[in-house]
Amino acid sequence: MTLTLYTFDWLPEFPRGFVRDLRVRWGLEEIGRSYQVATVPAHPKSTEHRKLQPFTQVPVIQDGEQTLFESGAILVYLCEGTPLLPDERKAEIWQWLFAALNTVELSVMHWVSMILAERVLEFFGPPPAADVRAHAKADMETKLTALQQALGDKEWLAGDFSVADIAMVEVLRVVAAEEALDAHPDLAAYVERATSRPAFKKAMADHMQHWQTADAEQAKRSTG
């Protein structure tokens, strides 16, 4: 049975390339698993979406009788026993997966949300005071410095490329997009290595094509 990946039907320009269905697309491409895409409305939220995901977020997958949300949980489910999550390295990979989503991402998104509050006021405002923003960035820099030290001269976090690297790189791409990885060249190189992988490139191309198709469908509806 073909796996179904749910994402939003349409979004404005600014989050495209960073919507978290991309993490799942990347994992699916890495393991060679085919899938189809279904959509839920970004606004207004629907009852059907809430049944799939109580917080009305994406991604969600349906795989036969299994429905699952949260990108980290989905990656673990899909990649269990594959080269991205082999049994002999499972504990170490889980450790770094949780570090990506619980430690680094929380700090990154705390800062990024403040940047977005200034840039996209209607979605994220009001903007915080400058000292509050500076404190958030300092906390993020502490996490990034620690991560760079832990990565050291390793190519990947836990031996060969794994789901932990997908999660961590997806977090760091947000930082890189804000040109905030300059002080962490090893992390910038790590992101470059990961996003040069064919599976990432295919996942990103399909992710962006989804929004382009959504734009065309929206334009068609608006013109009758």
Protein backbone atom coordinates (compact mmCIF):
# COMPACT_ATOMS: atom_id res chain seq x y z
CA MET A 1 0.00 0.00 0.00
CA THR A 2 1.31 3.47 -0.92
CA LEU A 3 2.20 5.68 1.99
CA THR A 4 0.38 9.04 2.13
CA LEU A 5 2.14 12.17 3.34
CA TYR A 6 -0.04 15.10 4.40
CA THR A 7 1.07 18.69 4.05
CA PHE A 8 -0.74 22.01 3.73
CA ASP A 9 -2.72 22.85 0.61
CA TRP A 10 -1.13 26.30 0.21
CA LEU A 11 1.17 28.62 2.15
CA PRO A 12 2.64 32.06 1.45
CA GLU A 13 6.20 32.38 0.23
CA PHE A 14 8.13 32.83 3.47
CA PRO A 15 7.87 29.30 4.98
CA ARG A 16 8.35 27.41 1.72
CA GLY A 17 11.46 25.27 1.77
CA PHE A 18 11.17 24.85 5.53
CA VAL A 19 7.75 23.24 6.07
CA ARG A 20 8.39 20.06 7.98
CA ASP A 21 6.93 17.69 5.43
CA LEU A 22 10.35 18.18 3.80
CA ARG A 23 12.00 16.18 6.59
CA VAL A 24 9.77 13.23 5.84
CA ARG A 25 10.20 13.58 2.09
CA TRP A 26 13.97 13.52 2.60
CA GLY A 27 13.82 10.38 4.73
CA LEU A 28 11.56 8.65 2.22
CA GLU A 29 13.93 9.49 -0.62
CA GLU A 30 16.92 8.21 1.34
CA ILE A 31 15.28 4.83 1.96
CA GLY A 32 13.72 4.61 -1.51
CA ARG A 33 10.12 4.47 -0.30
CA SER A 34 7.42 5.68 -2.68
CA TYR A 35 4.63 7.90 -1.41
CA GLN A 36 1.76 10.10 -2.46
CA VAL A 37 0.87 13.55 -1.14
CA ALA A 38 -2.46 14.65 0.28
CA THR A 39 -3.30 18.07 1.67
CA VAL A 40 -5.09 19.72 4.55
CA PRO A 41 -6.13 23.38 4.60
CA ALA A 42 -3.75 25.75 6.34
CA HIS A 43 -6.69 28.04 7.10
CA PRO A 44 -9.31 27.59 8.31
CA LYS A 45 -8.37 24.46 10.23
CA SER A 46 -10.61 21.50 9.51
CA THR A 47 -12.17 18.81 11.64
CA GLU A 48 -10.63 16.20 9.36
CA HIS A 49 -7.15 17.63 9.96
CA ARG A 50 -7.68 17.65 13.73
CA LYS A 51 -8.60 13.98 13.60
CA LEU A 52 -5.25 13.26 11.97
CA GLN A 53 -3.20 15.70 14.05
CA PRO A 54 -4.64 17.17 17.27
CA PHE A 55 -2.54 20.35 16.94
CA THR A 56 -3.48 20.79 13.24
CA GLN A 57 0.15 20.80 12.14
CA VAL A 58 2.01 18.93 9.40
CA PRO A 59 3.46 16.49 8.53
CA VAL A 60 1.20 13.49 9.06
CA ILE A 61 1.57 10.11 7.40
CA GLN A 62 -0.85 7.29 6.81
CA ASP A 63 0.77 3.92 6.16
CA GLY A 64 -1.89 1.25 5.97
CA GLU A 65 -3.61 1.25 9.36
CA GLN A 66 -0.90 3.43 10.92
CA THR A 67 -1.43 7.19 11.20
CA LEU A 68 1.45 9.14 12.69
CA PHE A 69 2.39 12.76 13.32
CA GLU A 70 5.52 14.60 14.55
CA SER A 71 8.43 14.58 12.12
CA GLY A 72 10.88 12.89 14.51
CA ALA A 73 8.48 10.07 15.29
CA ILE A 74 7.72 9.63 11.59
CA LEU A 75 11.42 9.44 10.70
CA VAL A 76 12.03 6.80 13.37
CA TYR A 77 9.01 4.79 12.23
CA LEU A 78 9.98 4.89 8.56
CA CYS A 79 13.70 4.27 8.97
CA GLU A 80 13.78 1.66 11.75
CA GLY A 81 16.14 -1.13 10.69
CA THR A 82 17.34 0.68 7.56
CA PRO A 83 20.83 2.14 7.09
CA LEU A 84 19.44 5.42 8.47
CA LEU A 85 18.57 3.77 11.79
CA PRO A 86 20.38 0.44 12.13
CA ASP A 87 19.86 -1.57 15.29
CA GLU A 88 23.52 -1.47 16.29
CA ARG A 89 23.59 2.35 16.41
CA LYS A 90 20.01 2.97 17.47
CA ALA A 91 20.66 4.46 20.91
CA GLU A 92 23.29 6.92 19.71
CA ILE A 93 21.15 8.00 16.76
CA TRP A 94 18.12 8.52 19.00
CA GLN A 95 20.29 10.61 21.30
CA TRP A 96 21.20 13.00 18.50
CA LEU A 97 17.71 13.00 17.02
CA PHE A 98 16.30 14.14 20.37
CA ALA A 99 19.11 16.66 20.74
CA ALA A 100 18.18 18.14 17.36
CA LEU A 101 14.48 18.45 18.15
CA ASN A 102 14.51 19.07 21.92
CA THR A 103 17.66 21.13 22.46
CA VAL A 104 18.88 22.79 19.29
CA GLU A 105 15.56 23.36 17.55
CA LEU A 106 13.86 24.83 20.61
CA SER A 107 16.63 27.40 20.92
CA VAL A 108 16.77 28.11 17.19
CA MET A 109 13.03 28.57 16.79
CA HIS A 110 12.83 30.78 19.87
CA TRP A 111 15.22 33.18 18.14
CA VAL A 112 13.78 32.76 14.64
CA SER A 113 10.25 33.47 15.87
CA MET A 114 11.51 36.84 17.11
CA ILE A 115 13.09 37.60 13.73
CA LEU A 116 9.84 36.66 12.02
CA ALA A 117 7.87 38.81 14.42
CA GLU A 118 9.64 41.83 12.95
CA ARG A 119 9.50 40.66 9.35
CA VAL A 120 6.01 39.13 9.18
CA LEU A 121 4.15 41.10 11.81
CA GLU A 122 0.69 39.89 10.80
CA PHE A 123 1.64 36.26 11.55
CA PHE A 124 4.20 36.47 14.36
CA GLY A 125 4.00 39.94 15.92
CA PRO A 126 4.40 41.93 18.02
CA PRO A 127 8.21 42.08 17.77
CA PRO A 128 10.15 41.70 21.04
CA ALA A 129 12.49 44.24 22.59
CA ALA A 130 16.06 44.26 21.28
CA ASP A 131 17.51 42.91 24.53
CA VAL A 132 15.06 40.00 24.53
CA ARG A 133 16.06 39.15 20.96
CA ALA A 134 19.75 39.42 21.83
CA HIS A 135 19.30 37.07 24.79
CA ALA A 136 17.58 34.52 22.55
CA LYS A 137 20.38 34.71 20.00
CA ALA A 138 23.02 34.29 22.71
CA ASP A 139 21.28 31.13 23.93
CA MET A 140 21.17 29.78 20.37
CA GLU A 141 24.86 30.58 19.87
CA THR A 142 25.69 28.59 23.00
CA LYS A 143 23.90 25.56 21.59
CA LEU A 144 25.54 25.93 18.18
CA THR A 145 29.01 26.26 19.69
CA ALA A 146 28.46 23.10 21.74
CA LEU A 147 27.17 21.26 18.69
CA GLN A 148 30.15 22.29 16.59
CA GLN A 149 32.52 21.07 19.30
CA ALA A 150 30.67 17.74 19.51
CA LEU A 151 30.70 17.28 15.73
CA GLY A 152 34.41 18.03 15.60
CA ASP A 153 36.00 16.58 12.48
CA LYS A 154 33.30 13.92 12.04
CA GLU A 155 31.38 13.80 8.79
CA TRP A 156 28.10 12.84 10.49
CA LEU A 157 26.80 12.83 14.05
CA ALA A 158 26.65 9.10 14.75
CA GLY A 159 28.82 7.16 12.34
CA ASP A 160 27.26 6.96 8.89
CA PHE A 161 24.55 9.36 7.73
CA SER A 162 21.36 8.77 9.74
CA VAL A 163 17.94 10.14 10.65
CA ALA A 164 19.71 12.22 13.30
CA ASP A 165 21.51 14.09 10.54
CA ILE A 166 18.25 14.71 8.68
CA ALA A 167 16.73 16.22 11.81
CA MET A 168 19.77 18.27 12.79
CA VAL A 169 20.44 19.62 9.32
CA GLU A 170 16.81 20.60 8.90
CA VAL A 171 17.15 22.67 12.08
CA LEU A 172 20.45 24.20 11.01
CA ARG A 173 19.14 25.12 7.56
CA VAL A 174 16.88 27.66 9.26
CA VAL A 175 19.92 29.21 10.94
CA ALA A 176 21.85 29.21 7.67
CA ALA A 177 18.95 30.90 5.88
CA GLU A 178 19.25 33.75 8.38
CA GLU A 179 23.02 33.92 7.71
CA ALA A 180 23.69 33.04 11.35
CA LEU A 181 26.05 30.08 10.77
CA ASP A 182 29.01 32.26 9.80
CA ALA A 183 30.63 31.83 13.22
CA HIS A 184 30.28 28.05 12.95
CA PRO A 185 32.07 27.00 9.74
CA ASP A 186 32.11 23.30 10.61
CA LEU A 187 28.33 23.33 10.97
CA ALA A 188 27.98 25.25 7.71
CA ALA A 189 30.09 22.58 5.98
CA TYR A 190 28.00 19.86 7.62
CA VAL A 191 24.82 21.42 6.23
CA GLU A 192 26.41 21.69 2.80
CA ARG A 193 27.42 18.00 2.84
CA ALA A 194 23.95 16.87 3.79
CA THR A 195 22.04 19.09 1.38
CA SER A 196 24.30 17.97 -1.47
CA ARG A 197 22.88 14.46 -1.16
CA PRO A 198 20.68 13.45 -4.12
CA ALA A 199 17.83 12.46 -1.78
CA PHE A 200 17.70 15.95 -0.28
CA LYS A 201 17.76 17.59 -3.69
CA LYS A 202 14.88 15.40 -4.90
CA ALA A 203 12.89 16.01 -1.73
CA MET A 204 13.38 19.78 -1.97
CA ALA A 205 12.45 19.85 -5.64
CA ASP A 206 9.22 17.96 -4.96
CA HIS A 207 8.48 20.11 -1.91
CA MET A 208 8.83 23.33 -3.93
CA GLN A 209 6.90 21.89 -6.87
CA HIS A 210 3.99 21.27 -4.50
CA TRP A 211 3.75 25.01 -3.70
CA GLN A 212 4.10 25.99 -7.35
CA THR A 213 1.22 23.68 -8.23
CA ALA A 214 -0.79 25.10 -5.34
CA ASP A 215 -0.19 28.63 -6.65
CA ALA A 216 -1.42 27.62 -10.09
CA GLU A 217 -4.54 25.98 -8.67
CA GLN A 218 -5.28 29.00 -6.51
CA ALA A 219 -4.87 31.33 -9.49
CA LYS A 220 -7.22 29.13 -11.53
CA ARG A 221 -9.88 29.30 -8.80
CA SER A 222 -9.58 33.07 -8.48
CA THR A 223 -10.16 33.58 -12.21
CA GLY A 224 -13.11 31.19 -12.30
